[in-house]
Amino acid sequence: MLAIVRRYEAAGFRAWPAAAVHYDGTWVVRLTAGHPAKRLNSVNPLDPGDTQHIADRIG
């Protein structure tokens, strides 16, 4: 099941590319300033087991 979710996430990342992508461990931070589609700005955990410092990552 997780493999299918990762494929959908990858397809979404390619469909709406961000201007800047940063990695924080297994989390992806996608940023595009000044774009009306707020979906482009997101924090995406790629590993559901990577739960350290969640408040700092999304805050």
PDB file of N, CA and C in Angstrom:
ATOM      1  N   MET A   1       0.813  -1.203   0.000  1.00  0.00           N
ATOM      2  CA  MET A   1       0.000   0.000   0.000  1.00  0.00           C
ATOM      3  C   MET A   1       0.855   1.265   0.000  1.00  0.00           C
ATOM      4  N   LEU A   2       1.923   1.274   0.817  1.00  0.00           N
ATOM      5  CA  LEU A   2       2.786   2.452   0.884  1.00  0.00           C
ATOM      6  C   LEU A   2       3.437   2.738  -0.463  1.00  0.00           C
ATOM      7  N   ALA A   3       3.773   1.704  -1.224  1.00  0.00           N
ATOM      8  CA  ALA A   3       4.379   1.907  -2.545  1.00  0.00           C
ATOM      9  C   ALA A   3       3.420   2.645  -3.475  1.00  0.00           C
ATOM     10  N   ILE A   4       2.144   2.338  -3.398  1.00  0.00           N
ATOM     11  CA  ILE A   4       1.153   3.022  -4.232  1.00  0.00           C
ATOM     12  C   ILE A   4       1.040   4.490  -3.825  1.00  0.00           C
ATOM     13  N   VAL A   5       1.024   4.746  -2.533  1.00  0.00           N
ATOM     14  CA  VAL A   5       0.960   6.125  -2.041  1.00  0.00           C
ATOM     15  C   VAL A   5       2.173   6.907  -2.525  1.00  0.00           C
ATOM     16  N   ARG A   6       3.338   6.316  -2.464  1.00  0.00           N
ATOM     17  CA  ARG A   6       4.558   7.004  -2.919  1.00  0.00           C
ATOM     18  C   ARG A   6       4.500   7.300  -4.410  1.00  0.00           C
ATOM     19  N   ARG A   7       3.919   6.407  -5.197  1.00  0.00           N
ATOM     20  CA  ARG A   7       3.792   6.666  -6.640  1.00  0.00           C
ATOM     21  C   ARG A   7       2.853   7.835  -6.894  1.00  0.00           C
ATOM     22  N   TYR A   8       1.749   7.903  -6.145  1.00  0.00           N
ATOM     23  CA  TYR A   8       0.837   9.041  -6.288  1.00  0.00           C
ATOM     24  C   TYR A   8       1.506  10.345  -5.862  1.00  0.00           C
ATOM     25  N   GLU A   9       2.250  10.307  -4.783  1.00  0.00           N
ATOM     26  CA  GLU A   9       2.982  11.503  -4.336  1.00  0.00           C
ATOM     27  C   GLU A   9       3.971  11.954  -5.404  1.00  0.00           C
ATOM     28  N   ALA A  10       4.724  11.025  -5.959  1.00  0.00           N
ATOM     29  CA  ALA A  10       5.704  11.362  -6.995  1.00  0.00           C
ATOM     30  C   ALA A  10       5.015  11.967  -8.215  1.00  0.00           C
ATOM     31  N   ALA A  11       3.877  11.415  -8.610  1.00  0.00           N
ATOM     32  CA  ALA A  11       3.135  11.963  -9.749  1.00  0.00           C
ATOM     33  C   ALA A  11       2.652  13.379  -9.448  1.00  0.00           C
ATOM     34  N   GLY A  12       2.187  13.609  -8.235  1.00  0.00           N
ATOM     35  CA  GLY A  12       1.754  14.944  -7.845  1.00  0.00           C
ATOM     36  C   GLY A  12       2.894  15.944  -7.827  1.00  0.00           C
ATOM     37  N   PHE A  13       4.055  15.521  -7.350  1.00  0.00           N
ATOM     38  CA  PHE A  13       5.221  16.408  -7.336  1.00  0.00           C
ATOM     39  C   PHE A  13       5.614  16.802  -8.752  1.00  0.00           C
ATOM     40  N   ARG A  14       5.535  15.862  -9.683  1.00  0.00           N
ATOM     41  CA  ARG A  14       5.889  16.168 -11.075  1.00  0.00           C
ATOM     42  C   ARG A  14       4.818  17.015 -11.756  1.00  0.00           C
ATOM     43  N   ALA A  15       3.559  16.817 -11.402  1.00  0.00           N
ATOM     44  CA  ALA A  15       2.467  17.565 -12.024  1.00  0.00           C
ATOM     45  C   ALA A  15       2.481  19.034 -11.610  1.00  0.00           C
ATOM     46  N   TRP A  16       2.853  19.315 -10.357  1.00  0.00           N
ATOM     47  CA  TRP A  16       2.928  20.678  -9.840  1.00  0.00           C
ATOM     48  C   TRP A  16       4.330  20.928  -9.297  1.00  0.00           C
ATOM     49  N   PRO A  17       5.294  21.169 -10.191  1.00  0.00           N
ATOM     50  CA  PRO A  17       6.664  21.365  -9.704  1.00  0.00           C
ATOM     51  C   PRO A  17       6.789  22.644  -8.875  1.00  0.00           C
ATOM     52  N   ALA A  18       7.604  22.582  -7.853  1.00  0.00           N
ATOM     53  CA  ALA A  18       7.854  23.735  -6.984  1.00  0.00           C
ATOM     54  C   ALA A  18       9.107  24.468  -7.455  1.00  0.00           C
ATOM     55  N   ALA A  19       9.182  25.755  -7.154  1.00  0.00           N
ATOM     56  CA  ALA A  19      10.364  26.540  -7.515  1.00  0.00           C
ATOM     57  C   ALA A  19      11.569  26.123  -6.683  1.00  0.00           C
ATOM     58  N   ALA A  20      11.334  25.745  -5.431  1.00  0.00           N
ATOM     59  CA  ALA A  20      12.420  25.322  -4.542  1.00  0.00           C
ATOM     60  C   ALA A  20      11.978  24.086  -3.772  1.00  0.00           C
ATOM     61  N   VAL A  21      12.881  23.126  -3.661  1.00  0.00           N
ATOM     62  CA  VAL A  21      12.617  21.897  -2.911  1.00  0.00           C
ATOM     63  C   VAL A  21      13.765  21.690  -1.932  1.00  0.00           C
ATOM     64  N   HIS A  22      13.430  21.512  -0.662  1.00  0.00           N
ATOM     65  CA  HIS A  22      14.424  21.273   0.380  1.00  0.00           C
ATOM     66  C   HIS A  22      14.078  19.969   1.084  1.00  0.00           C
ATOM     67  N   TYR A  23      15.093  19.248   1.513  1.00  0.00           N
ATOM     68  CA  TYR A  23      14.888  17.992   2.230  1.00  0.00           C
ATOM     69  C   TYR A  23      15.323  18.160   3.682  1.00  0.00           C
ATOM     70  N   ASP A  24      14.493  17.698   4.591  1.00  0.00           N
ATOM     71  CA  ASP A  24      14.793  17.674   6.020  1.00  0.00           C
ATOM     72  C   ASP A  24      14.627  16.224   6.451  1.00  0.00           C
ATOM     73  N   GLY A  25      15.702  15.481   6.407  1.00  0.00           N
ATOM     74  CA  GLY A  25      15.601  14.045   6.643  1.00  0.00           C
ATOM     75  C   GLY A  25      14.804  13.415   5.516  1.00  0.00           C
ATOM     76  N   THR A  26      13.720  12.739   5.864  1.00  0.00           N
ATOM     77  CA  THR A  26      12.872  12.140   4.832  1.00  0.00           C
ATOM     78  C   THR A  26      11.639  12.993   4.548  1.00  0.00           C
ATOM     79  N   TRP A  27      11.668  14.242   4.952  1.00  0.00           N
ATOM     80  CA  TRP A  27      10.577  15.171   4.674  1.00  0.00           C
ATOM     81  C   TRP A  27      10.985  16.075   3.514  1.00  0.00           C
ATOM     82  N   VAL A  28      10.022  16.411   2.666  1.00  0.00           N
ATOM     83  CA  VAL A  28      10.256  17.303   1.531  1.00  0.00           C
ATOM     84  C   VAL A  28       9.489  18.595   1.782  1.00  0.00           C
ATOM     85  N   VAL A  29      10.179  19.721   1.676  1.00  0.00           N
ATOM     86  CA  VAL A  29       9.559  21.037   1.804  1.00  0.00           C
ATOM     87  C   VAL A  29       9.559  21.662   0.413  1.00  0.00           C
ATOM     88  N   ARG A  30       8.362  21.938  -0.114  1.00  0.00           N
ATOM     89  CA  ARG A  30       8.212  22.481  -1.468  1.00  0.00           C
ATOM     90  C   ARG A  30       7.690  23.913  -1.367  1.00  0.00           C
ATOM     91  N   LEU A  31       8.375  24.856  -2.027  1.00  0.00           N
ATOM     92  CA  LEU A  31       8.018  26.269  -1.927  1.00  0.00           C
ATOM     93  C   LEU A  31       7.985  26.926  -3.301  1.00  0.00           C
ATOM     94  N   THR A  32       6.943  27.707  -3.542  1.00  0.00           N
ATOM     95  CA  THR A  32       6.842  28.538  -4.734  1.00  0.00           C
ATOM     96  C   THR A  32       6.184  29.838  -4.301  1.00  0.00           C
ATOM     97  N   ALA A  33       6.958  30.893  -4.209  1.00  0.00           N
ATOM     98  CA  ALA A  33       6.450  32.187  -3.742  1.00  0.00           C
ATOM     99  C   ALA A  33       5.570  32.841  -4.808  1.00  0.00           C
ATOM    100  N   GLY A  34       4.509  33.500  -4.358  1.00  0.00           N
ATOM    101  CA  GLY A  34       3.672  34.293  -5.239  1.00  0.00           C
ATOM    102  C   GLY A  34       2.802  33.508  -6.206  1.00  0.00           C
ATOM    103  N   HIS A  35       2.611  32.233  -5.983  1.00  0.00           N
ATOM    104  CA  HIS A  35       1.782  31.428  -6.888  1.00  0.00           C
ATOM    105  C   HIS A  35       0.408  31.239  -6.260  1.00  0.00           C
ATOM    106  N   PRO A  36      -0.674  31.400  -7.048  1.00  0.00           N
ATOM    107  CA  PRO A  36      -2.012  31.293  -6.463  1.00  0.00           C
ATOM    108  C   PRO A  36      -2.386  29.886  -5.980  1.00  0.00           C
ATOM    109  N   ALA A  37      -1.751  28.863  -6.513  1.00  0.00           N
ATOM    110  CA  ALA A  37      -2.062  27.490  -6.088  1.00  0.00           C
ATOM    111  C   ALA A  37      -1.279  27.167  -4.827  1.00  0.00           C
ATOM    112  N   LYS A  38      -1.916  27.227  -3.688  1.00  0.00           N
ATOM    113  CA  LYS A  38      -1.225  27.009  -2.418  1.00  0.00           C
ATOM    114  C   LYS A  38      -0.745  25.578  -2.253  1.00  0.00           C
ATOM    115  N   ARG A  39      -1.209  24.672  -3.092  1.00  0.00           N
ATOM    116  CA  ARG A  39      -0.757  23.271  -3.044  1.00  0.00           C
ATOM    117  C   ARG A  39       0.749  23.182  -3.298  1.00  0.00           C
ATOM    118  N   LEU A  40       1.295  24.172  -3.995  1.00  0.00           N
ATOM    119  CA  LEU A  40       2.723  24.138  -4.302  1.00  0.00           C
ATOM    120  C   LEU A  40       3.575  24.317  -3.057  1.00  0.00           C
ATOM    121  N   ASN A  41       3.053  24.952  -2.034  1.00  0.00           N
ATOM    122  CA  ASN A  41       3.781  25.132  -0.785  1.00  0.00           C
ATOM    123  C   ASN A  41       3.322  24.053   0.184  1.00  0.00           C
ATOM    124  N   SER A  42       4.210  23.093   0.447  1.00  0.00           N
ATOM    125  CA  SER A  42       3.793  21.976   1.291  1.00  0.00           C
ATOM    126  C   SER A  42       4.982  21.329   1.978  1.00  0.00           C
ATOM    127  N   VAL A  43       4.682  20.625   3.061  1.00  0.00           N
ATOM    128  CA  VAL A  43       5.657  19.801   3.771  1.00  0.00           C
ATOM    129  C   VAL A  43       5.140  18.370   3.675  1.00  0.00           C
ATOM    130  N   ASN A  44       5.954  17.469   3.124  1.00  0.00           N
ATOM    131  CA  ASN A  44       5.501  16.111   2.845  1.00  0.00           C
ATOM    132  C   ASN A  44       6.428  15.090   3.474  1.00  0.00           C
ATOM    133  N   PRO A  45       5.948  14.333   4.461  1.00  0.00           N
ATOM    134  CA  PRO A  45       6.776  13.261   5.029  1.00  0.00           C
ATOM    135  C   PRO A  45       6.790  12.069   4.074  1.00  0.00           C
ATOM    136  N   LEU A  46       7.972  11.630   3.681  1.00  0.00           N
ATOM    137  CA  LEU A  46       8.089  10.493   2.769  1.00  0.00           C
ATOM    138  C   LEU A  46       8.214   9.174   3.505  1.00  0.00           C
ATOM    139  N   ASP A  47       8.515   9.234   4.795  1.00  0.00           N
ATOM    140  CA  ASP A  47       8.625   8.033   5.620  1.00  0.00           C
ATOM    141  C   ASP A  47       7.722   8.215   6.836  1.00  0.00           C
ATOM    142  N   PRO A  48       6.636   7.449   6.943  1.00  0.00           N
ATOM    143  CA  PRO A  48       5.721   7.634   8.068  1.00  0.00           C
ATOM    144  C   PRO A  48       6.358   7.372   9.429  1.00  0.00           C
ATOM    145  N   GLY A  49       7.503   6.732   9.459  1.00  0.00           N
ATOM    146  CA  GLY A  49       8.178   6.467  10.720  1.00  0.00           C
ATOM    147  C   GLY A  49       9.074   7.602  11.184  1.00  0.00           C
ATOM    148  N   ASP A  50       9.312   8.595  10.328  1.00  0.00           N
ATOM    149  CA  ASP A  50      10.180   9.725  10.664  1.00  0.00           C
ATOM    150  C   ASP A  50       9.341  10.790  11.365  1.00  0.00           C
ATOM    151  N   THR A  51       9.201  10.657  12.684  1.00  0.00           N
ATOM    152  CA  THR A  51       8.325  11.553  13.448  1.00  0.00           C
ATOM    153  C   THR A  51       9.080  12.490  14.389  1.00  0.00           C
ATOM    154  N   GLN A  52      10.385  12.526  14.295  1.00  0.00           N
ATOM    155  CA  GLN A  52      11.164  13.380  15.192  1.00  0.00           C
ATOM    156  C   GLN A  52      10.988  14.847  14.819  1.00  0.00           C
ATOM    157  N   HIS A  53      10.841  15.686  15.811  1.00  0.00           N
ATOM    158  CA  HIS A  53      10.798  17.146  15.653  1.00  0.00           C
ATOM    159  C   HIS A  53       9.670  17.610  14.727  1.00  0.00           C
ATOM    160  N   ILE A  54       8.515  16.974  14.809  1.00  0.00           N
ATOM    161  CA  ILE A  54       7.402  17.332  13.929  1.00  0.00           C
ATOM    162  C   ILE A  54       7.011  18.796  14.096  1.00  0.00           C
ATOM    163  N   ALA A  55       6.893  19.274  15.316  1.00  0.00           N
ATOM    164  CA  ALA A  55       6.476  20.665  15.545  1.00  0.00           C
ATOM    165  C   ALA A  55       7.437  21.648  14.892  1.00  0.00           C
ATOM    166  N   ASP A  56       8.724  21.376  14.938  1.00  0.00           N
ATOM    167  CA  ASP A  56       9.710  22.256  14.312  1.00  0.00           C
ATOM    168  C   ASP A  56       9.620  22.197  12.792  1.00  0.00           C
ATOM    169  N   ARG A  57       9.333  21.034  12.257  1.00  0.00           N
ATOM    170  CA  ARG A  57       9.281  20.877  10.806  1.00  0.00           C
ATOM    171  C   ARG A  57       8.077  21.569  10.178  1.00  0.00           C
ATOM    172  N   ILE A  58       6.953  21.560  10.848  1.00  0.00           N
ATOM    173  CA  ILE A  58       5.763  22.155  10.245  1.00  0.00           C
ATOM    174  C   ILE A  58       5.444  23.536  10.795  1.00  0.00           C
ATOM    175  N   GLY A  59       6.182  23.985  11.802  1.00  0.00           N
ATOM    176  CA  GLY A  59       5.899  25.259  12.457  1.00  0.00           C
ATOM    177  C   GLY A  59       6.463  26.455  11.809  1.00  0.00           C
TER     178      GLY A  59
END
